[in-house]
N, C-alpha and C. Protein backbone atom coordinates (compact mmCIF):
# COMPACT_ATOMS: atom_id res chain seq x y z
N UNK A 1 7.90 -2.58 -6.23
CA UNK A 1 6.77 -3.28 -6.79
C UNK A 1 6.04 -3.99 -5.65
N UNK A 2 4.75 -3.87 -5.67
CA UNK A 2 3.92 -4.52 -4.67
C UNK A 2 2.54 -4.75 -5.29
N UNK A 3 1.73 -5.50 -4.58
CA UNK A 3 0.38 -5.77 -5.06
C UNK A 3 -0.54 -4.64 -4.61
N UNK A 4 -1.40 -4.20 -5.49
CA UNK A 4 -2.39 -3.20 -5.11
C UNK A 4 -3.35 -3.81 -4.09
N UNK A 5 -3.62 -3.08 -3.03
CA UNK A 5 -4.55 -3.57 -2.02
C UNK A 5 -5.98 -3.62 -2.57
N UNK A 6 -6.23 -2.86 -3.61
CA UNK A 6 -7.58 -2.77 -4.18
C UNK A 6 -7.81 -3.75 -5.34
N UNK A 7 -6.81 -4.51 -5.70
CA UNK A 7 -6.92 -5.47 -6.80
C UNK A 7 -8.07 -6.45 -6.53
N UNK A 8 -8.89 -6.84 -7.46
CA UNK A 8 -8.86 -6.51 -8.88
C UNK A 8 -9.80 -5.38 -9.30
N UNK A 9 -10.62 -4.89 -8.40
CA UNK A 9 -11.60 -3.87 -8.80
C UNK A 9 -11.02 -2.46 -8.77
N UNK A 10 -10.00 -2.26 -7.96
CA UNK A 10 -9.34 -0.96 -7.80
C UNK A 10 -10.31 0.12 -7.32
N UNK A 11 -11.33 -0.29 -6.58
CA UNK A 11 -12.30 0.67 -6.04
C UNK A 11 -11.78 1.33 -4.77
N UNK A 12 -11.01 0.61 -3.96
CA UNK A 12 -10.46 1.20 -2.74
C UNK A 12 -9.41 2.22 -3.11
N UNK A 13 -9.31 3.24 -2.30
CA UNK A 13 -8.28 4.27 -2.49
C UNK A 13 -7.53 4.44 -1.18
N UNK A 14 -6.42 5.12 -1.22
CA UNK A 14 -5.55 5.27 -0.06
C UNK A 14 -6.29 5.82 1.16
N UNK A 15 -7.26 6.67 0.97
CA UNK A 15 -7.98 7.22 2.13
C UNK A 15 -8.66 6.14 2.96
N UNK A 16 -8.94 4.97 2.37
CA UNK A 16 -9.54 3.86 3.11
C UNK A 16 -8.60 3.26 4.16
N UNK A 17 -7.35 3.59 4.10
CA UNK A 17 -6.36 3.08 5.05
C UNK A 17 -6.30 3.88 6.35
N UNK A 18 -7.06 4.97 6.41
CA UNK A 18 -6.98 5.86 7.56
C UNK A 18 -8.35 6.08 8.19
N UNK A 19 -8.36 6.16 9.51
CA UNK A 19 -9.59 6.38 10.27
C UNK A 19 -10.05 7.83 10.11
N UNK A 20 -11.27 7.98 9.68
CA UNK A 20 -11.82 9.31 9.43
C UNK A 20 -12.50 9.90 10.67
N UNK A 21 -12.62 9.11 11.73
CA UNK A 21 -13.32 9.57 12.94
C UNK A 21 -12.58 10.71 13.63
N UNK A 22 -11.27 10.70 13.59
CA UNK A 22 -10.51 11.80 14.15
C UNK A 22 -10.34 12.83 13.04
N UNK A 23 -11.29 13.73 12.96
CA UNK A 23 -11.34 14.66 11.83
C UNK A 23 -10.14 15.60 11.77
N UNK A 24 -9.57 15.93 12.90
CA UNK A 24 -8.39 16.83 12.89
C UNK A 24 -7.23 16.19 12.13
N UNK A 25 -6.90 14.94 12.48
CA UNK A 25 -5.81 14.24 11.80
C UNK A 25 -6.16 13.96 10.34
N UNK A 26 -7.37 13.46 10.12
CA UNK A 26 -7.73 13.08 8.76
C UNK A 26 -7.81 14.29 7.83
N UNK A 27 -8.35 15.40 8.31
CA UNK A 27 -8.43 16.61 7.49
C UNK A 27 -7.04 17.10 7.11
N UNK A 28 -6.15 17.12 8.08
CA UNK A 28 -4.77 17.54 7.79
C UNK A 28 -4.12 16.60 6.78
N UNK A 29 -4.30 15.31 6.98
CA UNK A 29 -3.74 14.30 6.07
C UNK A 29 -4.28 14.48 4.66
N UNK A 30 -5.58 14.59 4.53
CA UNK A 30 -6.19 14.67 3.19
C UNK A 30 -5.93 16.02 2.53
N UNK A 31 -5.67 17.05 3.30
CA UNK A 31 -5.32 18.35 2.71
C UNK A 31 -3.86 18.42 2.30
N UNK A 32 -3.05 17.52 2.84
CA UNK A 32 -1.61 17.52 2.55
C UNK A 32 -1.24 16.55 1.44
N UNK A 33 -1.92 15.41 1.38
CA UNK A 33 -1.55 14.34 0.45
C UNK A 33 -2.73 13.91 -0.41
N UNK A 34 -2.41 13.32 -1.56
CA UNK A 34 -3.43 12.78 -2.45
C UNK A 34 -3.81 11.40 -1.93
N UNK A 35 -5.00 11.28 -1.40
CA UNK A 35 -5.47 10.01 -0.84
C UNK A 35 -6.46 9.31 -1.76
N UNK A 36 -6.73 9.89 -2.92
CA UNK A 36 -7.68 9.31 -3.87
C UNK A 36 -6.94 8.58 -4.99
N UNK A 37 -5.99 7.74 -4.57
CA UNK A 37 -5.15 7.01 -5.51
C UNK A 37 -5.04 5.55 -5.09
N UNK A 38 -4.59 4.72 -6.02
CA UNK A 38 -4.30 3.33 -5.73
C UNK A 38 -3.10 3.28 -4.78
N UNK A 39 -3.00 2.22 -4.01
CA UNK A 39 -1.92 2.10 -3.03
C UNK A 39 -1.53 0.63 -2.88
N UNK A 40 -0.37 0.43 -2.28
CA UNK A 40 0.17 -0.92 -2.19
C UNK A 40 -0.23 -1.63 -0.90
N UNK A 41 -0.30 -2.93 -1.04
CA UNK A 41 -0.41 -3.85 0.07
C UNK A 41 1.03 -4.09 0.53
N UNK A 42 1.27 -4.21 1.79
CA UNK A 42 2.66 -4.38 2.26
C UNK A 42 3.05 -5.83 2.53
N UNK A 43 2.19 -6.76 2.17
CA UNK A 43 2.49 -8.18 2.40
C UNK A 43 3.75 -8.60 1.67
N UNK A 44 3.82 -8.30 0.40
CA UNK A 44 4.98 -8.62 -0.43
C UNK A 44 5.40 -7.35 -1.15
N UNK A 45 6.65 -6.98 -0.97
CA UNK A 45 7.18 -5.81 -1.66
C UNK A 45 8.56 -6.17 -2.22
N UNK A 46 8.76 -5.92 -3.48
CA UNK A 46 10.07 -6.10 -4.10
C UNK A 46 10.58 -4.71 -4.43
N UNK A 47 11.77 -4.38 -3.98
CA UNK A 47 12.24 -3.03 -4.22
C UNK A 47 13.74 -2.99 -4.48
N UNK A 48 14.11 -2.00 -5.25
CA UNK A 48 15.50 -1.70 -5.49
C UNK A 48 16.00 -0.98 -4.24
N UNK A 49 17.06 -1.42 -3.67
CA UNK A 49 17.56 -0.82 -2.43
C UNK A 49 17.92 0.66 -2.61
N UNK A 50 18.04 1.12 -3.83
CA UNK A 50 18.35 2.53 -4.07
C UNK A 50 17.21 3.45 -3.63
N UNK A 51 16.00 2.92 -3.49
CA UNK A 51 14.90 3.78 -3.06
C UNK A 51 14.89 3.99 -1.54
N UNK A 52 15.71 3.21 -0.84
CA UNK A 52 15.82 3.36 0.61
C UNK A 52 16.99 4.29 0.89
N UNK A 53 16.69 5.47 1.41
CA UNK A 53 17.71 6.47 1.71
C UNK A 53 18.01 6.47 3.21
N UNK A 54 19.01 7.21 3.59
CA UNK A 54 19.38 7.29 5.00
C UNK A 54 18.23 7.80 5.88
N UNK A 55 17.36 8.60 5.31
CA UNK A 55 16.27 9.18 6.09
C UNK A 55 14.93 8.46 5.93
N UNK A 56 14.89 7.36 5.22
CA UNK A 56 13.62 6.66 4.97
C UNK A 56 12.96 6.22 6.27
N UNK A 57 13.70 5.58 7.15
CA UNK A 57 13.12 5.13 8.41
C UNK A 57 12.57 6.32 9.20
N UNK A 58 13.36 7.37 9.30
CA UNK A 58 12.93 8.53 10.07
C UNK A 58 11.69 9.17 9.45
N UNK A 59 11.63 9.23 8.13
CA UNK A 59 10.44 9.78 7.45
C UNK A 59 9.20 8.94 7.73
N UNK A 60 9.33 7.63 7.68
CA UNK A 60 8.20 6.74 7.99
C UNK A 60 7.79 6.90 9.46
N UNK A 61 8.76 6.96 10.33
CA UNK A 61 8.47 7.16 11.75
C UNK A 61 7.74 8.49 11.97
N UNK A 62 8.23 9.54 11.34
CA UNK A 62 7.61 10.86 11.50
C UNK A 62 6.16 10.85 11.01
N UNK A 63 5.90 10.18 9.89
CA UNK A 63 4.53 10.08 9.39
C UNK A 63 3.64 9.32 10.38
N UNK A 64 4.18 8.28 10.97
CA UNK A 64 3.43 7.49 11.94
C UNK A 64 3.05 8.34 13.15
N UNK A 65 3.96 9.15 13.61
CA UNK A 65 3.70 10.02 14.76
C UNK A 65 2.74 11.14 14.37
N UNK A 66 2.93 11.71 13.19
CA UNK A 66 2.10 12.83 12.76
C UNK A 66 0.67 12.41 12.45
N UNK A 67 0.50 11.20 11.91
CA UNK A 67 -0.82 10.70 11.51
C UNK A 67 -1.08 9.33 12.15
N UNK A 68 -1.38 9.28 13.44
CA UNK A 68 -1.57 8.00 14.13
C UNK A 68 -2.98 7.42 13.89
N UNK A 69 -3.43 7.48 12.65
CA UNK A 69 -4.79 7.02 12.33
C UNK A 69 -4.80 5.94 11.26
N UNK A 70 -3.65 5.31 11.02
CA UNK A 70 -3.59 4.23 10.04
C UNK A 70 -4.34 3.03 10.59
N UNK A 71 -5.31 2.55 9.85
CA UNK A 71 -6.17 1.45 10.30
C UNK A 71 -5.44 0.12 10.32
N UNK A 72 -4.54 -0.10 9.37
CA UNK A 72 -3.87 -1.39 9.26
C UNK A 72 -2.39 -1.27 9.63
N UNK A 73 -2.14 -0.66 10.77
CA UNK A 73 -0.78 -0.50 11.29
C UNK A 73 0.12 0.23 10.29
N UNK A 74 1.17 -0.42 9.85
CA UNK A 74 2.16 0.24 9.00
C UNK A 74 1.73 0.39 7.54
N UNK A 75 0.77 -0.39 7.07
CA UNK A 75 0.44 -0.39 5.65
C UNK A 75 0.03 0.99 5.14
N UNK A 76 -0.82 1.69 5.84
CA UNK A 76 -1.26 3.01 5.40
C UNK A 76 -0.11 3.99 5.31
N UNK A 77 0.78 3.95 6.30
CA UNK A 77 1.93 4.87 6.33
C UNK A 77 2.92 4.54 5.21
N UNK A 78 3.22 3.26 5.04
CA UNK A 78 4.14 2.85 3.97
C UNK A 78 3.55 3.20 2.61
N UNK A 79 2.27 2.94 2.43
CA UNK A 79 1.61 3.27 1.17
C UNK A 79 1.61 4.78 0.93
N UNK A 80 1.35 5.55 1.97
CA UNK A 80 1.39 7.01 1.85
C UNK A 80 2.78 7.47 1.41
N UNK A 81 3.79 6.92 2.03
CA UNK A 81 5.17 7.30 1.70
C UNK A 81 5.52 6.97 0.25
N UNK A 82 5.21 5.73 -0.19
CA UNK A 82 5.63 5.30 -1.52
C UNK A 82 4.66 5.68 -2.64
N UNK A 83 3.62 6.42 -2.30
CA UNK A 83 2.74 6.97 -3.34
C UNK A 83 2.81 8.49 -3.41
N UNK A 84 3.12 9.12 -2.30
CA UNK A 84 3.09 10.59 -2.25
C UNK A 84 4.46 11.22 -2.03
N UNK A 85 5.18 10.81 -1.02
CA UNK A 85 6.47 11.43 -0.72
C UNK A 85 7.58 10.93 -1.63
N UNK A 86 7.59 9.66 -1.89
CA UNK A 86 8.55 9.04 -2.81
C UNK A 86 7.73 8.14 -3.73
N UNK A 87 7.07 8.72 -4.72
CA UNK A 87 6.09 7.97 -5.53
C UNK A 87 6.71 6.96 -6.49
N UNK A 88 7.00 5.79 -5.95
CA UNK A 88 7.60 4.73 -6.76
C UNK A 88 6.74 3.47 -6.81
N UNK A 89 5.59 3.46 -6.12
CA UNK A 89 4.75 2.25 -6.12
C UNK A 89 4.36 1.88 -7.54
N UNK A 90 4.53 0.60 -7.83
CA UNK A 90 4.15 0.04 -9.12
C UNK A 90 3.51 -1.32 -8.87
N UNK A 91 2.38 -1.57 -9.52
CA UNK A 91 1.68 -2.85 -9.37
C UNK A 91 2.59 -3.98 -9.87
N UNK A 92 2.80 -4.96 -9.01
CA UNK A 92 3.60 -6.11 -9.39
C UNK A 92 2.79 -6.98 -10.36
N UNK A 93 3.46 -7.63 -11.27
CA UNK A 93 2.78 -8.53 -12.20
C UNK A 93 2.14 -9.66 -11.40
N UNK A 94 0.86 -9.90 -11.62
CA UNK A 94 0.14 -10.88 -10.80
C UNK A 94 0.14 -12.29 -11.38
N UNK A 95 0.28 -12.40 -12.70
CA UNK A 95 0.24 -13.73 -13.30
C UNK A 95 0.74 -13.70 -14.74
N UNK A 96 1.00 -14.88 -15.26
CA UNK A 96 1.24 -15.04 -16.69
C UNK A 96 0.19 -16.00 -17.23
N UNK A 97 0.38 -16.53 -18.39
CA UNK A 97 -0.65 -17.39 -18.98
C UNK A 97 -0.82 -18.72 -18.26
N UNK A 98 0.16 -19.13 -17.45
CA UNK A 98 0.10 -20.42 -16.77
C UNK A 98 -0.07 -20.35 -15.26
N UNK A 99 0.48 -19.33 -14.66
CA UNK A 99 0.58 -19.30 -13.20
C UNK A 99 0.23 -17.93 -12.64
N UNK A 100 -0.45 -17.96 -11.51
CA UNK A 100 -0.67 -16.74 -10.74
C UNK A 100 0.45 -16.68 -9.70
N UNK A 101 1.16 -15.56 -9.64
CA UNK A 101 2.33 -15.47 -8.78
C UNK A 101 1.96 -15.22 -7.33
N UNK A 102 1.12 -14.25 -7.10
CA UNK A 102 0.75 -13.90 -5.74
C UNK A 102 -0.60 -13.19 -5.76
N UNK A 103 -1.38 -13.46 -4.73
CA UNK A 103 -2.59 -12.70 -4.51
C UNK A 103 -2.93 -12.80 -3.03
N UNK A 104 -3.75 -11.91 -2.59
CA UNK A 104 -4.18 -11.92 -1.19
C UNK A 104 -4.97 -13.19 -0.90
N UNK A 105 -5.82 -13.58 -1.84
CA UNK A 105 -6.63 -14.78 -1.71
C UNK A 105 -6.89 -15.37 -3.08
N UNK A 106 -7.28 -16.63 -3.10
CA UNK A 106 -7.59 -17.29 -4.36
C UNK A 106 -8.90 -16.75 -4.91
N UNK A 107 -8.87 -16.25 -6.11
CA UNK A 107 -10.07 -15.70 -6.72
C UNK A 107 -10.73 -16.70 -7.65
N UNK A 108 -10.03 -17.78 -7.92
CA UNK A 108 -10.54 -18.85 -8.76
C UNK A 108 -9.75 -20.10 -8.38
N UNK A 109 -10.40 -21.08 -7.80
CA UNK A 109 -9.70 -22.25 -7.29
C UNK A 109 -9.05 -23.10 -8.38
N UNK A 110 -9.36 -22.87 -9.63
CA UNK A 110 -8.69 -23.60 -10.69
C UNK A 110 -7.34 -22.97 -11.05
N UNK A 111 -7.08 -21.76 -10.56
CA UNK A 111 -5.81 -21.09 -10.82
C UNK A 111 -4.70 -21.72 -9.98
N UNK A 112 -3.52 -21.80 -10.56
CA UNK A 112 -2.35 -22.28 -9.84
C UNK A 112 -1.62 -21.05 -9.28
N UNK A 113 -1.49 -20.98 -7.98
CA UNK A 113 -0.82 -19.87 -7.32
C UNK A 113 0.52 -20.32 -6.74
N UNK A 114 1.50 -19.45 -6.81
CA UNK A 114 2.76 -19.70 -6.13
C UNK A 114 2.59 -19.38 -4.65
N UNK A 115 1.88 -18.27 -4.35
CA UNK A 115 1.69 -17.88 -2.97
C UNK A 115 0.40 -17.10 -2.79
N UNK A 116 -0.29 -17.40 -1.71
CA UNK A 116 -1.48 -16.66 -1.29
C UNK A 116 -1.26 -16.19 0.15
N UNK A 117 -1.78 -15.02 0.48
CA UNK A 117 -1.67 -14.55 1.85
C UNK A 117 -2.60 -15.34 2.76
N UNK A 118 -3.82 -15.55 2.33
CA UNK A 118 -4.80 -16.27 3.17
C UNK A 118 -4.71 -17.75 2.99
């Protein structure tokens, strides 16, 4: 579970995490994976350790080497992995009726937040 990087409008898609200027890498990436999907922000991630396999690190490393065009360092690669190769990304609950749990930034200063990134 993680926060969608595109929250709250969900207009951004995974392809926004990668530099399109290097057309060779980007074309290969977009022809191999679905980049027109929602993706996670890597600031806060809650996960069941069962999703981490012996080869998870190596798979992430291999993606980083194969597609060195992630704009935000590891976020694009991690999002690619957990949406396409091991599709387990799920939007974390952002708030209840009293409290906002986490957001990248305050969207309404009257809201009570437990944690903000900015």
